[in-house]
């Protein structure tokens, strides 16, 4: 019996691990419902998204500003911009226009489309990790890691996409400050991408997105 005591002790210590993993998954899942991962709960903000290749070289920079999840302006730095208001779309050469009406790029029920993808992301959560507080460029932020993907969309020729997400949240405000995606996968790709995208967020209640009259 004495020989089995160390083994029993190890098993006892190991037993809570699945529960802890489940707690982390549940916590991340809850963040999609009114929390940091819910785009409808995110106040007016802008972000700069920089995509790096496997060598660490910048491939492109995407810039956007959001009044709400349904009123946005964004595009590649120096490239064509897209303004969205619900399901209506406009295109312009700068983030401030002038704007030209474009064929609608979003489904008629844009909000329902986003919410459906949120639910799919929660359902497909995997590889969840909650490491706790970390220092990010002088800020103390809480780190969350998870992999997820959307389901194939029948009305979009079976399109789907996913990625490994590393999200850094300000524990005081509950806001996402930095969001990294890697190992991106999609219906059209033969395997995960080696690119890494880093989005850095800035919040400003004065941000508005006004569609042209």
Protein backbone atom coordinates (compact mmCIF):
# COMPACT_ATOMS: atom_id res chain seq x y z
CA UNK A 1 0.00 0.00 0.00
CA UNK A 2 2.86 2.35 0.82
CA UNK A 3 4.06 2.15 -2.79
CA UNK A 4 0.69 3.35 -4.07
CA UNK A 5 0.51 6.46 -1.87
CA UNK A 6 2.58 8.68 -4.20
CA UNK A 7 0.43 7.59 -7.14
CA UNK A 8 -2.78 8.29 -5.22
CA UNK A 9 -1.44 11.70 -4.22
CA UNK A 10 -0.60 12.53 -7.83
CA UNK A 11 -4.04 11.46 -9.00
CA UNK A 12 -5.66 13.56 -6.32
CA UNK A 13 -3.70 16.61 -7.43
CA UNK A 14 -4.45 15.96 -11.09
CA UNK A 15 -8.18 15.39 -10.62
CA UNK A 16 -9.22 19.06 -10.45
CA UNK A 17 -7.50 19.91 -13.76
CA UNK A 18 -10.48 19.10 -16.03
CA UNK A 19 -12.74 21.23 -13.86
CA UNK A 20 -10.30 24.11 -14.08
CA UNK A 21 -10.17 23.74 -17.86
CA UNK A 22 -13.98 23.70 -17.97
CA UNK A 23 -14.09 26.81 -15.78
CA UNK A 24 -11.83 28.60 -18.25
CA UNK A 25 -13.93 27.52 -21.22
CA UNK A 26 -17.11 28.62 -19.47
CA UNK A 27 -15.58 31.95 -18.64
CA UNK A 28 -14.51 32.59 -22.23
CA UNK A 29 -17.93 31.47 -23.49
CA UNK A 30 -19.61 33.95 -21.15
CA UNK A 31 -17.47 36.76 -22.58
CA UNK A 32 -19.45 36.47 -25.84
CA UNK A 33 -22.66 37.46 -23.99
CA UNK A 34 -22.36 41.10 -22.98
CA UNK A 35 -18.64 40.78 -22.21
CA UNK A 36 -15.39 41.70 -23.94
CA UNK A 37 -15.94 39.29 -26.86
CA UNK A 38 -19.45 40.58 -27.60
CA UNK A 39 -19.17 43.17 -30.43
CA UNK A 40 -22.59 44.57 -29.52
CA UNK A 41 -21.36 45.41 -26.02
CA UNK A 42 -18.19 47.14 -27.23
CA UNK A 43 -18.34 50.96 -26.99
CA UNK A 44 -17.22 53.22 -29.86
CA UNK A 45 -13.65 52.40 -30.77
CA UNK A 46 -11.01 52.20 -33.45
CA UNK A 47 -8.36 49.61 -34.06
CA UNK A 48 -5.25 49.11 -36.12
CA UNK A 49 -4.71 45.56 -37.35
CA UNK A 50 -1.19 44.68 -38.48
CA UNK A 51 -0.61 41.37 -40.25
CA UNK A 52 2.86 39.82 -40.11
CA UNK A 53 4.23 36.94 -42.18
CA UNK A 54 6.28 34.07 -40.77
CA UNK A 55 9.44 36.21 -40.91
CA UNK A 56 7.84 38.99 -38.88
CA UNK A 57 7.57 41.31 -41.88
CA UNK A 58 4.47 43.49 -42.13
CA UNK A 59 2.22 42.28 -44.92
CA UNK A 60 -0.51 44.88 -44.56
CA UNK A 61 -2.20 47.22 -42.08
CA UNK A 62 -5.98 47.39 -41.68
CA UNK A 63 -7.59 50.35 -39.92
CA UNK A 64 -11.20 50.65 -38.77
CA UNK A 65 -13.49 52.66 -36.58
CA UNK A 66 -16.72 51.39 -35.06
CA UNK A 67 -19.59 53.40 -33.67
CA UNK A 68 -21.44 50.12 -33.17
CA UNK A 69 -21.05 46.60 -34.52
CA UNK A 70 -23.39 47.62 -37.36
CA UNK A 71 -21.97 51.08 -38.15
CA UNK A 72 -18.34 50.78 -39.23
CA UNK A 73 -15.69 52.17 -41.55
CA UNK A 74 -12.59 50.20 -42.44
CA UNK A 75 -10.04 49.26 -45.06
CA UNK A 76 -6.39 48.69 -45.81
CA UNK A 77 -4.19 51.67 -44.98
CA UNK A 78 -3.99 53.79 -48.09
CA UNK A 79 -6.51 51.58 -49.91
CA UNK A 80 -10.21 51.50 -50.59
CA UNK A 81 -12.47 51.97 -47.58
CA UNK A 82 -15.87 50.44 -46.89
CA UNK A 83 -18.62 52.06 -44.82
CA UNK A 84 -21.30 49.77 -43.46
CA UNK A 85 -24.59 50.84 -41.91
CA UNK A 86 -26.63 47.76 -41.15
CA UNK A 87 -26.65 45.87 -44.43
CA UNK A 88 -26.06 48.98 -46.59
CA UNK A 89 -22.58 49.48 -48.04
CA UNK A 90 -20.61 52.38 -49.53
CA UNK A 91 -17.05 52.58 -50.87
CA UNK A 92 -14.60 55.48 -50.75
CA UNK A 93 -10.97 56.34 -51.24
CA UNK A 94 -10.45 57.68 -47.69
CA UNK A 95 -11.94 56.83 -44.26
CA UNK A 96 -13.98 60.05 -44.57
CA UNK A 97 -15.23 59.49 -48.10
CA UNK A 98 -16.51 60.76 -50.42
CA UNK A 99 -18.73 57.71 -50.59
CA UNK A 100 -20.26 55.85 -53.50
CA UNK A 101 -23.11 53.41 -52.95
CA UNK A 102 -21.99 49.84 -53.45
CA UNK A 103 -23.82 46.52 -53.75
CA UNK A 104 -24.68 45.39 -50.25
CA UNK A 105 -21.84 43.29 -48.85
CA UNK A 106 -23.72 41.99 -45.81
CA UNK A 107 -26.82 39.80 -45.42
CA UNK A 108 -30.12 41.62 -45.06
CA UNK A 109 -30.17 40.64 -41.38
CA UNK A 110 -26.65 41.81 -40.56
CA UNK A 111 -27.18 41.66 -36.80
CA UNK A 112 -28.65 38.17 -36.99
CA UNK A 113 -25.68 37.07 -39.12
CA UNK A 114 -23.16 38.33 -36.54
CA UNK A 115 -25.07 36.82 -33.63
CA UNK A 116 -25.27 33.45 -35.40
CA UNK A 117 -21.48 33.45 -35.89
CA UNK A 118 -21.00 34.39 -32.23
CA UNK A 119 -23.09 31.37 -31.20
CA UNK A 120 -21.04 29.14 -33.51
CA UNK A 121 -17.81 30.46 -32.03
CA UNK A 122 -19.04 29.62 -28.53
CA UNK A 123 -20.18 26.14 -29.60
CA UNK A 124 -16.84 25.41 -31.28
CA UNK A 125 -14.55 26.69 -28.51
CA UNK A 126 -11.42 24.56 -28.13
CA UNK A 127 -7.89 24.81 -26.67
CA UNK A 128 -9.07 27.32 -24.07
CA UNK A 129 -6.52 28.75 -21.64
CA UNK A 130 -6.78 31.48 -18.99
CA UNK A 131 -3.18 32.29 -17.95
CA UNK A 132 -4.14 35.34 -15.88
CA UNK A 133 -2.46 38.73 -15.67
CA UNK A 134 0.42 39.65 -17.98
CA UNK A 135 2.35 42.80 -18.83
CA UNK A 136 1.74 44.14 -22.33
CA UNK A 137 3.74 47.25 -23.16
CA UNK A 138 3.44 48.55 -19.62
CA UNK A 139 -0.24 47.63 -19.18
CA UNK A 140 -1.40 44.90 -16.82
CA UNK A 141 -3.95 42.94 -18.82
CA UNK A 142 -5.71 39.60 -18.43
CA UNK A 143 -4.85 37.07 -21.11
CA UNK A 144 -7.29 34.59 -22.67
CA UNK A 145 -6.48 32.03 -25.37
CA UNK A 146 -8.89 29.92 -27.42
CA UNK A 147 -9.34 28.35 -30.82
CA UNK A 148 -12.69 28.52 -32.55
CA UNK A 149 -14.29 28.57 -35.98
CA UNK A 150 -17.60 29.28 -37.64
CA UNK A 151 -19.79 26.61 -39.20
CA UNK A 152 -20.12 26.31 -42.99
CA UNK A 153 -22.69 28.81 -44.27
CA UNK A 154 -25.16 27.25 -46.71
CA UNK A 155 -26.09 30.67 -48.14
CA UNK A 156 -22.40 31.45 -48.78
CA UNK A 157 -21.34 28.31 -50.66
CA UNK A 158 -20.28 26.59 -47.43
CA UNK A 159 -17.79 29.28 -46.40
CA UNK A 160 -16.29 29.08 -42.90
CA UNK A 161 -13.23 30.42 -41.07
CA UNK A 162 -11.45 30.17 -37.72
CA UNK A 163 -8.26 30.95 -35.82
CA UNK A 164 -6.34 30.69 -32.58
CA UNK A 165 -7.22 33.84 -30.65
CA UNK A 166 -5.11 35.47 -27.94
CA UNK A 167 -7.07 38.28 -26.31
CA UNK A 168 -5.82 40.78 -23.73
CA UNK A 169 -8.50 42.46 -21.61
CA UNK A 170 -8.25 45.46 -19.30
CA UNK A 171 -9.51 44.04 -15.98
CA UNK A 172 -10.66 47.48 -14.84
CA UNK A 173 -12.87 48.30 -17.82
CA UNK A 174 -13.55 44.84 -19.22
CA UNK A 175 -12.46 46.04 -22.66
CA UNK A 176 -10.30 44.25 -25.21
CA UNK A 177 -7.05 46.17 -25.66
CA UNK A 178 -5.12 43.78 -27.90
CA UNK A 179 -6.29 40.82 -29.98
CA UNK A 180 -3.92 38.48 -31.78
CA UNK A 181 -5.00 35.81 -34.27
CA UNK A 182 -2.83 33.04 -35.66
CA UNK A 183 -3.18 29.58 -37.22
CA UNK A 184 -6.01 30.99 -39.32
CA UNK A 185 -8.04 28.42 -41.24
CA UNK A 186 -10.77 28.78 -43.84
CA UNK A 187 -12.80 26.77 -46.33
CA UNK A 188 -10.55 27.86 -49.20
CA UNK A 189 -7.17 27.10 -47.54
CA UNK A 190 -5.32 23.79 -47.57
CA UNK A 191 -4.01 24.33 -44.03
CA UNK A 192 -3.44 26.90 -41.27
CA UNK A 193 -1.86 30.20 -42.25
CA UNK A 194 1.50 31.19 -40.80
CA UNK A 195 0.48 34.85 -40.63
CA UNK A 196 -0.16 36.59 -37.32
CA UNK A 197 -2.55 39.53 -37.05
CA UNK A 198 -2.31 41.94 -34.12
CA UNK A 199 -5.20 44.34 -33.47
CA UNK A 200 -4.63 47.22 -31.05
CA UNK A 201 -7.77 48.96 -29.75
CA UNK A 202 -8.47 52.58 -28.76
CA UNK A 203 -11.79 53.64 -27.21
CA UNK A 204 -13.37 57.05 -27.77
CA UNK A 205 -17.05 57.89 -27.13
CA UNK A 206 -16.81 60.65 -29.76
CA UNK A 207 -16.36 58.14 -32.61
CA UNK A 208 -19.29 58.21 -35.03
CA UNK A 209 -19.95 56.66 -38.40
CA UNK A 210 -22.36 58.68 -40.54
CA UNK A 211 -23.62 57.13 -43.77
CA UNK A 212 -24.00 59.54 -46.71
CA UNK A 213 -27.41 61.00 -47.31
